[in-house]
Amino acid sequence: MSEASRDFVPALGQNWLTPLYDLTIALTTREGRWRKLLLKAADPQPEDIILDIGCGTASFAILLKRSSPQTRVIGLDPDSEVLMIAKRKASEADADIEFVEAMGDAPPESVQQAGVTKITSSLVLHQVPLDGKRAIIGKAYDLLPSGGRLHIADFGEQRTKLMRFLFGAVQRLDGVEYTQPNADGILPEIMRESGFSPVEEANVVATLVGSISLYRAIKP
């Protein structure tokens, strides 16, 4: 069995919902706000090689490429169906993005030897079991050079009763077991355990389905 064929949670929890992913994210998560913040934090430069783990339909990868056309952008995702959408969108946007079908904790040798300088990930880790979260963040640490940065936008600690209530919609789609650690604020802890320092929750964006946290972590 290939690494990409291991179990994973589809973009909206069910394969049949995948075609609705972009519309759902646009309507429920204030994506214009958090994607803008994530792009500003990642600050793509011409010399960068950026790996977008769990690139999904490539919405953020395309933003990276538009912001810095000379930046090499690699989009990695285990879902062949979602990558079909990503490739079509990138082609329509005339964005030269490399797509790789693989799990975030097991990128192929070509990615491991690419000389990645920054890693991004958005709305992925809440869909991954706890050991998978640790494995993906640990692999990100291994791939980055000293001074390399990891930028994550995902559902983080749900600090208010309202945000916890709204986040219930995500938990019904993606499962409580995988999502609850995020809601409890586990991601910064895992980043520190993996060796990143400093680790910062730079922004929190309230949405109709809970709050999305933007994290920045640096490899010493």
Protein backbone atom coordinates (compact mmCIF):
# COMPACT_ATOMS: atom_id res chain seq x y z
CA MET A 1 0.00 0.00 0.00
CA SER A 2 1.39 3.40 -0.93
CA GLU A 3 1.72 6.11 1.71
CA ALA A 4 -0.89 8.21 -0.09
CA SER A 5 -3.43 5.40 0.11
CA ARG A 6 -3.45 5.27 3.91
CA ASP A 7 -6.65 6.43 5.57
CA PHE A 8 -7.26 10.16 5.65
CA VAL A 9 -10.29 12.38 6.23
CA PRO A 10 -11.53 13.93 2.94
CA ALA A 11 -11.71 17.70 2.62
CA LEU A 12 -15.22 18.02 4.09
CA GLY A 13 -15.28 14.73 5.94
CA GLN A 14 -16.95 12.78 3.11
CA ASN A 15 -15.75 12.17 -0.44
CA TRP A 16 -19.06 13.18 -1.99
CA LEU A 17 -18.73 16.64 -0.39
CA THR A 18 -15.32 17.38 -1.93
CA PRO A 19 -16.73 19.35 -4.91
CA LEU A 20 -18.40 21.68 -2.38
CA TYR A 21 -15.22 22.33 -0.40
CA ASP A 22 -14.23 25.70 -1.84
CA LEU A 23 -17.74 27.11 -1.58
CA THR A 24 -18.15 25.86 1.99
CA ILE A 25 -14.84 27.34 3.11
CA ALA A 26 -15.69 30.65 1.45
CA LEU A 27 -19.11 30.85 3.11
CA THR A 28 -18.17 29.72 6.61
CA THR A 29 -14.56 30.55 7.49
CA ARG A 30 -13.88 34.16 6.44
CA GLU A 31 -11.14 32.73 4.25
CA GLY A 32 -10.25 36.08 2.75
CA ARG A 33 -9.20 37.27 6.20
CA TRP A 34 -7.16 34.31 7.44
CA ARG A 35 -5.61 33.49 4.06
CA LYS A 36 -4.41 37.10 3.78
CA LEU A 37 -2.86 36.86 7.24
CA LEU A 38 -1.25 33.51 6.43
CA LEU A 39 0.19 34.86 3.17
CA LYS A 40 1.61 37.90 4.93
CA ALA A 41 3.21 35.67 7.57
CA ALA A 42 4.68 33.24 5.02
CA ASP A 43 6.07 36.20 3.05
CA PRO A 44 7.13 34.21 -0.04
CA GLN A 45 10.39 35.34 -1.59
CA PRO A 46 11.83 34.48 -5.03
CA GLU A 47 14.51 32.28 -3.47
CA ASP A 48 12.04 30.33 -1.32
CA ILE A 49 10.95 26.75 -1.83
CA ILE A 50 7.62 26.46 -0.03
CA LEU A 51 5.91 23.18 0.77
CA ASP A 52 2.16 23.46 1.33
CA ILE A 53 1.18 20.38 3.34
CA GLY A 54 -2.40 19.32 2.75
CA CYS A 55 -2.73 21.75 -0.13
CA GLY A 56 -6.31 20.65 -0.86
CA THR A 57 -7.74 22.46 -3.85
CA ALA A 58 -4.65 24.71 -4.03
CA SER A 59 -6.36 27.95 -3.01
CA PHE A 60 -3.45 28.99 -0.80
CA ALA A 61 -0.74 27.55 -3.04
CA ILE A 62 -2.08 29.72 -5.85
CA LEU A 63 -1.95 32.78 -3.58
CA LEU A 64 1.68 32.01 -2.78
CA LYS A 65 2.55 31.76 -6.46
CA ARG A 66 0.68 34.92 -7.39
CA SER A 67 2.41 36.83 -4.61
CA SER A 68 5.88 35.66 -5.68
CA PRO A 69 5.88 34.06 -9.16
CA GLN A 70 9.53 33.00 -8.88
CA THR A 71 8.97 31.06 -5.66
CA ARG A 72 8.93 27.30 -6.11
CA VAL A 73 5.69 26.04 -4.59
CA ILE A 74 5.05 22.36 -3.89
CA GLY A 75 1.52 21.29 -2.99
CA LEU A 76 1.28 17.98 -1.15
CA ASP A 77 -1.96 16.12 -0.44
CA PRO A 78 -2.98 12.44 -0.12
CA ASP A 79 -6.37 12.91 -1.81
CA SER A 80 -6.26 12.23 -5.56
CA GLU A 81 -9.75 13.70 -6.06
CA VAL A 82 -8.90 16.98 -4.41
CA LEU A 83 -5.62 17.16 -6.37
CA MET A 84 -7.56 16.92 -9.62
CA ILE A 85 -9.42 20.08 -8.60
CA ALA A 86 -6.14 21.68 -7.49
CA LYS A 87 -4.42 21.01 -10.81
CA ARG A 88 -7.36 22.42 -12.77
CA LYS A 89 -7.45 25.58 -10.62
CA ALA A 90 -3.70 26.07 -10.91
CA SER A 91 -3.87 25.67 -14.68
CA GLU A 92 -6.70 28.19 -14.94
CA ALA A 93 -4.71 30.60 -12.77
CA ASP A 94 -1.57 30.02 -14.85
CA ALA A 95 0.21 29.11 -11.61
CA ASP A 96 3.18 26.78 -12.00
CA ILE A 97 2.76 24.61 -8.90
CA GLU A 98 4.21 21.14 -8.37
CA PHE A 99 1.67 18.71 -6.96
CA VAL A 100 2.60 15.57 -5.05
CA GLU A 101 0.18 12.89 -3.87
CA ALA A 102 1.44 11.82 -0.45
CA MET A 103 0.71 11.96 3.26
CA GLY A 104 2.09 14.93 5.16
CA ASP A 105 4.25 12.75 7.39
CA ALA A 106 5.69 10.76 4.46
CA PRO A 107 6.69 13.04 1.58
CA PRO A 108 8.60 11.30 -1.22
CA GLU A 109 12.35 11.61 -1.60
CA SER A 110 11.94 14.29 -4.25
CA VAL A 111 10.30 16.58 -1.69
CA GLN A 112 12.72 15.67 1.10
CA GLN A 113 15.64 16.65 -1.14
CA ALA A 114 14.03 19.79 -2.56
CA GLY A 115 15.64 22.15 -0.04
CA VAL A 116 12.36 23.43 1.41
CA THR A 117 12.80 26.78 3.18
CA LYS A 118 9.27 27.31 4.49
CA ILE A 119 6.28 25.08 5.14
CA THR A 120 2.63 26.09 5.23
CA SER A 121 -0.50 24.17 6.16
CA SER A 122 -4.10 25.30 6.42
CA LEU A 123 -7.21 23.56 7.75
CA VAL A 124 -5.50 20.16 7.73
CA LEU A 125 -4.34 19.13 11.18
CA HIS A 126 -7.79 19.21 12.79
CA GLN A 127 -8.68 16.30 10.49
CA VAL A 128 -5.72 14.19 11.62
CA PRO A 129 -5.44 11.87 14.65
CA LEU A 130 -3.18 12.99 17.47
CA ASP A 131 -0.26 10.77 16.49
CA GLY A 132 -0.65 12.03 12.92
CA LYS A 133 -0.49 15.65 14.05
CA ARG A 134 2.76 14.88 15.85
CA ALA A 135 4.14 13.00 12.85
CA ILE A 136 3.34 15.77 10.35
CA ILE A 137 4.75 18.55 12.52
CA GLY A 138 7.78 16.41 13.31
CA LYS A 139 8.38 15.80 9.61
CA ALA A 140 8.05 19.54 8.95
CA TYR A 141 10.78 20.12 11.52
CA ASP A 142 13.01 17.53 9.84
CA LEU A 143 12.53 19.09 6.38
CA LEU A 144 13.31 22.66 7.36
CA PRO A 145 16.78 24.16 7.71
CA SER A 146 17.87 26.12 10.75
CA GLY A 147 15.86 29.34 10.67
CA GLY A 148 13.17 27.75 8.50
CA ARG A 149 9.59 28.62 9.34
CA LEU A 150 6.39 26.63 9.73
CA HIS A 151 3.15 28.57 9.24
CA ILE A 152 -0.15 26.93 10.18
CA ALA A 153 -3.70 28.21 9.91
CA ASP A 154 -6.15 25.81 11.52
CA PHE A 155 -8.84 25.50 14.12
CA GLY A 156 -7.06 26.12 17.39
CA GLU A 157 -8.15 26.53 20.98
CA GLN A 158 -11.86 27.38 21.12
CA ARG A 159 -11.77 29.86 23.97
CA THR A 160 -15.40 30.94 24.31
CA LYS A 161 -18.70 29.13 24.68
CA LEU A 162 -19.85 30.54 21.35
CA MET A 163 -16.76 29.37 19.46
CA ARG A 164 -16.99 25.92 21.07
CA PHE A 165 -20.65 25.71 20.07
CA LEU A 166 -19.96 26.78 16.48
CA PHE A 167 -17.01 24.40 16.22
CA GLY A 168 -19.48 21.57 16.79
CA ALA A 169 -20.35 21.75 13.08
CA VAL A 170 -16.75 20.89 12.19
CA GLN A 171 -16.68 18.10 14.75
CA ARG A 172 -19.79 16.54 13.31
CA LEU A 173 -18.13 16.39 9.88
CA ASP A 174 -14.59 15.43 10.88
CA GLY A 175 -15.13 13.58 14.14
CA VAL A 176 -14.63 14.59 17.77
CA GLU A 177 -11.62 12.32 18.31
CA TYR A 178 -9.50 14.11 15.70
CA THR A 179 -10.77 17.66 16.24
CA GLN A 180 -10.96 17.94 20.03
CA PRO A 181 -7.20 18.16 20.61
CA ASN A 182 -7.14 21.21 18.34
CA ALA A 183 -10.02 22.75 20.27
CA ASP A 184 -8.09 22.13 23.49
CA GLY A 185 -5.06 24.01 22.13
CA ILE A 186 -2.69 21.12 21.43
CA LEU A 187 -0.96 22.42 18.29
CA PRO A 188 1.51 24.88 19.90
CA GLU A 189 2.46 22.19 22.42
CA ILE A 190 3.24 19.72 19.63
CA MET A 191 5.32 22.30 17.77
CA ARG A 192 7.41 22.95 20.87
CA GLU A 193 7.74 19.21 21.58
CA SER A 194 9.02 18.77 18.01
CA GLY A 195 11.80 21.29 18.63
CA PHE A 196 10.41 24.51 17.17
CA SER A 197 11.27 27.66 19.10
CA PRO A 198 9.85 30.18 19.31
CA VAL A 199 6.24 29.18 18.67
CA GLU A 200 3.66 31.96 18.40
CA GLU A 201 -0.09 32.15 17.97
CA ALA A 202 -0.02 35.33 15.92
CA ASN A 203 -3.72 35.78 15.11
CA VAL A 204 -7.12 34.33 15.95
CA VAL A 205 -9.97 34.73 13.46
CA ALA A 206 -13.52 34.09 14.64
CA THR A 207 -15.68 32.34 12.04
CA LEU A 208 -19.12 30.80 11.70
CA VAL A 209 -17.62 27.37 12.49
CA GLY A 210 -15.25 28.25 15.33
CA SER A 211 -12.03 30.21 15.63
CA ILE A 212 -9.04 29.71 13.34
CA SER A 213 -5.61 30.29 14.83
CA LEU A 214 -2.54 31.31 12.85
CA TYR A 215 0.71 29.92 14.22
CA ARG A 216 4.32 30.68 13.40
CA ALA A 217 7.10 28.34 14.48
CA ILE A 218 10.82 28.63 13.77
CA LYS A 219 13.40 25.84 13.66
CA PRO A 220 16.37 26.95 15.77
